[in-house]
N, C-alpha and C. Protein backbone atom coordinates (compact mmCIF):
# COMPACT_ATOMS: atom_id res chain seq x y z
N UNK A 1 83.32 61.37 69.18
CA UNK A 1 83.50 61.24 70.61
C UNK A 1 82.15 61.37 71.30
N UNK A 2 81.77 60.36 72.03
CA UNK A 2 80.51 60.40 72.77
C UNK A 2 80.81 60.48 74.26
N UNK A 3 79.92 61.13 74.97
CA UNK A 3 80.12 61.33 76.40
C UNK A 3 79.12 60.51 77.20
N UNK A 4 79.57 60.06 78.37
CA UNK A 4 78.68 59.34 79.29
C UNK A 4 77.68 60.33 79.89
N UNK A 5 76.69 59.78 80.51
CA UNK A 5 75.70 60.61 81.18
C UNK A 5 76.35 61.41 82.31
N UNK A 6 77.22 60.79 83.08
CA UNK A 6 77.88 61.48 84.20
C UNK A 6 78.79 62.60 83.70
N UNK A 7 79.45 62.39 82.56
CA UNK A 7 80.31 63.42 82.00
C UNK A 7 79.49 64.63 81.53
N UNK A 8 78.33 64.36 80.99
CA UNK A 8 77.45 65.44 80.55
C UNK A 8 76.99 66.26 81.75
N UNK A 9 76.64 65.58 82.84
CA UNK A 9 76.21 66.27 84.05
C UNK A 9 77.35 67.12 84.60
N UNK A 10 78.56 66.58 84.61
CA UNK A 10 79.71 67.33 85.10
C UNK A 10 79.96 68.57 84.24
N UNK A 11 79.83 68.43 82.94
CA UNK A 11 80.01 69.57 82.05
C UNK A 11 78.96 70.65 82.30
N UNK A 12 77.72 70.23 82.52
CA UNK A 12 76.66 71.20 82.79
C UNK A 12 76.93 71.95 84.08
N UNK A 13 77.40 71.24 85.10
CA UNK A 13 77.72 71.87 86.38
C UNK A 13 78.86 72.87 86.20
N UNK A 14 79.89 72.47 85.46
CA UNK A 14 81.02 73.36 85.23
C UNK A 14 80.60 74.59 84.44
N UNK A 15 79.77 74.42 83.44
CA UNK A 15 79.31 75.55 82.63
C UNK A 15 78.49 76.52 83.47
N UNK A 16 77.60 76.01 84.32
CA UNK A 16 76.80 76.90 85.14
C UNK A 16 77.66 77.67 86.15
N UNK A 17 78.69 76.99 86.70
CA UNK A 17 79.60 77.66 87.63
C UNK A 17 80.36 78.77 86.92
N UNK A 18 80.83 78.50 85.72
CA UNK A 18 81.56 79.52 84.96
C UNK A 18 80.66 80.69 84.59
N UNK A 19 79.41 80.41 84.26
CA UNK A 19 78.48 81.49 83.94
C UNK A 19 78.24 82.40 85.13
N UNK A 20 78.16 81.81 86.33
CA UNK A 20 77.98 82.61 87.54
C UNK A 20 79.20 83.51 87.77
N UNK A 21 80.39 82.94 87.58
CA UNK A 21 81.62 83.71 87.77
C UNK A 21 81.68 84.87 86.78
N UNK A 22 81.36 84.60 85.54
CA UNK A 22 81.38 85.64 84.51
C UNK A 22 80.37 86.73 84.84
N UNK A 23 79.19 86.34 85.30
CA UNK A 23 78.15 87.32 85.62
C UNK A 23 78.58 88.22 86.77
N UNK A 24 79.19 87.65 87.81
CA UNK A 24 79.61 88.48 88.95
C UNK A 24 80.76 89.39 88.56
N UNK A 25 81.69 88.90 87.74
CA UNK A 25 82.80 89.74 87.31
C UNK A 25 82.32 90.86 86.39
N UNK A 26 81.35 90.58 85.56
CA UNK A 26 80.82 91.61 84.68
C UNK A 26 80.15 92.72 85.48
N UNK A 27 79.44 92.34 86.54
CA UNK A 27 78.79 93.34 87.39
C UNK A 27 79.82 94.22 88.07
N UNK A 28 80.93 93.59 88.53
CA UNK A 28 81.97 94.37 89.20
C UNK A 28 82.66 95.31 88.23
N UNK A 29 82.89 94.84 87.02
CA UNK A 29 83.61 95.64 86.04
C UNK A 29 82.79 96.84 85.58
N UNK A 30 81.49 96.68 85.48
CA UNK A 30 80.65 97.78 84.99
C UNK A 30 80.21 98.71 86.11
N UNK A 31 80.52 98.35 87.34
CA UNK A 31 80.09 99.19 88.46
C UNK A 31 78.59 99.18 88.61
N UNK A 32 78.00 98.01 88.70
CA UNK A 32 76.56 97.87 88.71
C UNK A 32 75.90 98.33 90.01
N UNK A 33 76.70 98.77 90.96
CA UNK A 33 76.10 99.25 92.20
C UNK A 33 75.32 100.53 91.91
N UNK A 34 74.20 100.68 92.54
CA UNK A 34 73.44 101.91 92.32
C UNK A 34 74.20 103.13 92.86
N UNK A 35 74.09 104.22 92.16
CA UNK A 35 74.77 105.44 92.58
C UNK A 35 74.14 105.96 93.87
N UNK A 36 74.99 106.35 94.80
CA UNK A 36 74.50 106.85 96.07
C UNK A 36 73.86 108.21 95.89
N UNK A 37 72.73 108.37 96.52
CA UNK A 37 72.01 109.64 96.46
C UNK A 37 72.01 110.28 97.83
N UNK A 38 72.06 111.56 97.86
CA UNK A 38 71.93 112.27 99.12
C UNK A 38 70.54 112.87 99.16
N UNK A 39 69.74 112.35 100.09
CA UNK A 39 68.37 112.84 100.21
C UNK A 39 68.31 113.87 101.33
N UNK A 40 67.49 114.86 101.16
CA UNK A 40 67.35 115.87 102.21
C UNK A 40 65.92 116.39 102.24
N UNK A 41 65.57 116.96 103.37
CA UNK A 41 64.26 117.60 103.52
C UNK A 41 63.09 116.66 103.39
N UNK A 42 62.11 117.07 102.63
CA UNK A 42 60.87 116.31 102.47
C UNK A 42 61.12 114.95 101.83
N UNK A 43 62.07 114.94 100.90
CA UNK A 43 62.37 113.67 100.22
C UNK A 43 62.91 112.65 101.21
N UNK A 44 63.77 113.09 102.13
CA UNK A 44 64.34 112.19 103.13
C UNK A 44 63.26 111.65 104.06
N UNK A 45 62.39 112.49 104.54
CA UNK A 45 61.34 112.03 105.45
C UNK A 45 60.38 111.08 104.74
N UNK A 46 60.08 111.34 103.48
CA UNK A 46 59.22 110.44 102.72
C UNK A 46 59.90 109.09 102.49
N UNK A 47 61.20 109.13 102.24
CA UNK A 47 61.96 107.89 102.03
C UNK A 47 61.97 107.04 103.29
N UNK A 48 62.24 107.67 104.43
CA UNK A 48 62.25 106.94 105.69
C UNK A 48 60.88 106.35 106.01
N UNK A 49 59.85 107.11 105.76
CA UNK A 49 58.48 106.66 106.01
C UNK A 49 58.17 105.44 105.13
N UNK A 50 58.58 105.50 103.87
CA UNK A 50 58.37 104.40 102.94
C UNK A 50 59.11 103.15 103.40
N UNK A 51 60.34 103.34 103.91
CA UNK A 51 61.11 102.19 104.41
C UNK A 51 60.42 101.55 105.61
N UNK A 52 59.92 102.37 106.52
CA UNK A 52 59.22 101.83 107.70
C UNK A 52 57.99 101.04 107.29
N UNK A 53 57.25 101.56 106.33
CA UNK A 53 56.04 100.87 105.86
C UNK A 53 56.39 99.53 105.23
N UNK A 54 57.44 99.52 104.40
CA UNK A 54 57.84 98.27 103.76
C UNK A 54 58.32 97.25 104.80
N UNK A 55 59.03 97.71 105.82
CA UNK A 55 59.49 96.80 106.88
C UNK A 55 58.30 96.21 107.63
N UNK A 56 57.28 97.02 107.90
CA UNK A 56 56.09 96.52 108.59
C UNK A 56 55.34 95.50 107.75
N UNK A 57 55.46 95.63 106.42
CA UNK A 57 54.83 94.65 105.53
C UNK A 57 55.60 93.34 105.50
N UNK A 58 56.84 93.34 106.02
CA UNK A 58 57.61 92.10 106.10
C UNK A 58 58.67 91.94 105.02
N UNK A 59 59.01 93.01 104.33
CA UNK A 59 60.06 92.93 103.31
C UNK A 59 61.40 92.79 104.02
N UNK A 60 62.24 91.81 103.65
CA UNK A 60 63.53 91.60 104.32
C UNK A 60 64.47 92.80 104.12
N UNK A 61 65.25 93.07 105.15
CA UNK A 61 66.17 94.21 105.13
C UNK A 61 67.19 94.12 103.99
N UNK A 62 67.81 92.95 103.74
CA UNK A 62 68.78 92.90 102.63
C UNK A 62 68.16 93.24 101.27
N UNK A 63 66.91 92.87 101.08
CA UNK A 63 66.23 93.18 99.82
C UNK A 63 66.02 94.68 99.70
N UNK A 64 65.59 95.31 100.77
CA UNK A 64 65.39 96.77 100.76
C UNK A 64 66.71 97.50 100.53
N UNK A 65 67.77 97.03 101.20
CA UNK A 65 69.06 97.68 101.07
C UNK A 65 69.57 97.62 99.64
N UNK A 66 69.43 96.47 99.01
CA UNK A 66 69.90 96.34 97.63
C UNK A 66 69.03 97.15 96.68
N UNK A 67 67.74 97.12 96.89
CA UNK A 67 66.81 97.82 96.00
C UNK A 67 67.04 99.32 96.00
N UNK A 68 67.32 99.88 97.19
CA UNK A 68 67.44 101.33 97.30
C UNK A 68 68.88 101.83 97.39
N UNK A 69 69.85 100.91 97.37
CA UNK A 69 71.25 101.31 97.40
C UNK A 69 71.69 101.90 98.72
N UNK A 70 71.20 101.34 99.82
CA UNK A 70 71.58 101.82 101.15
C UNK A 70 72.09 100.64 101.96
N UNK A 71 72.69 100.91 103.10
CA UNK A 71 73.21 99.83 103.93
C UNK A 71 72.12 99.25 104.82
N UNK A 72 72.34 98.01 105.22
CA UNK A 72 71.37 97.36 106.10
C UNK A 72 71.34 98.03 107.47
N UNK A 73 72.51 98.52 107.93
CA UNK A 73 72.55 99.17 109.24
C UNK A 73 71.71 100.44 109.27
N UNK A 74 71.65 101.15 108.13
CA UNK A 74 70.82 102.35 108.05
C UNK A 74 69.34 102.00 108.26
N UNK A 75 68.92 100.89 107.69
CA UNK A 75 67.52 100.47 107.85
C UNK A 75 67.25 100.06 109.29
N UNK A 76 68.19 99.33 109.89
CA UNK A 76 68.01 98.90 111.27
C UNK A 76 67.98 100.09 112.23
N UNK A 77 68.65 101.18 111.90
CA UNK A 77 68.66 102.36 112.76
C UNK A 77 67.31 103.06 112.78
N UNK A 78 66.54 102.88 111.73
CA UNK A 78 65.23 103.52 111.67
C UNK A 78 64.34 102.80 112.64
């Protein structure tokens, strides 16, 4: 059985879509979200200062939120 060029392209598209679905479901199943930390005292002030510096450098808020496991609204409040 030989496949046309268009059929091969369709198969590749379907395979990539399925791989994305599997990857997102695997992340949900393993609980890939970073564990929430409660910062206090000096650590909290250093964390906030670091966030402000990164924002001034132009790092996007969604990237910071995902990297540090915090909400975007928390960053905007600073």
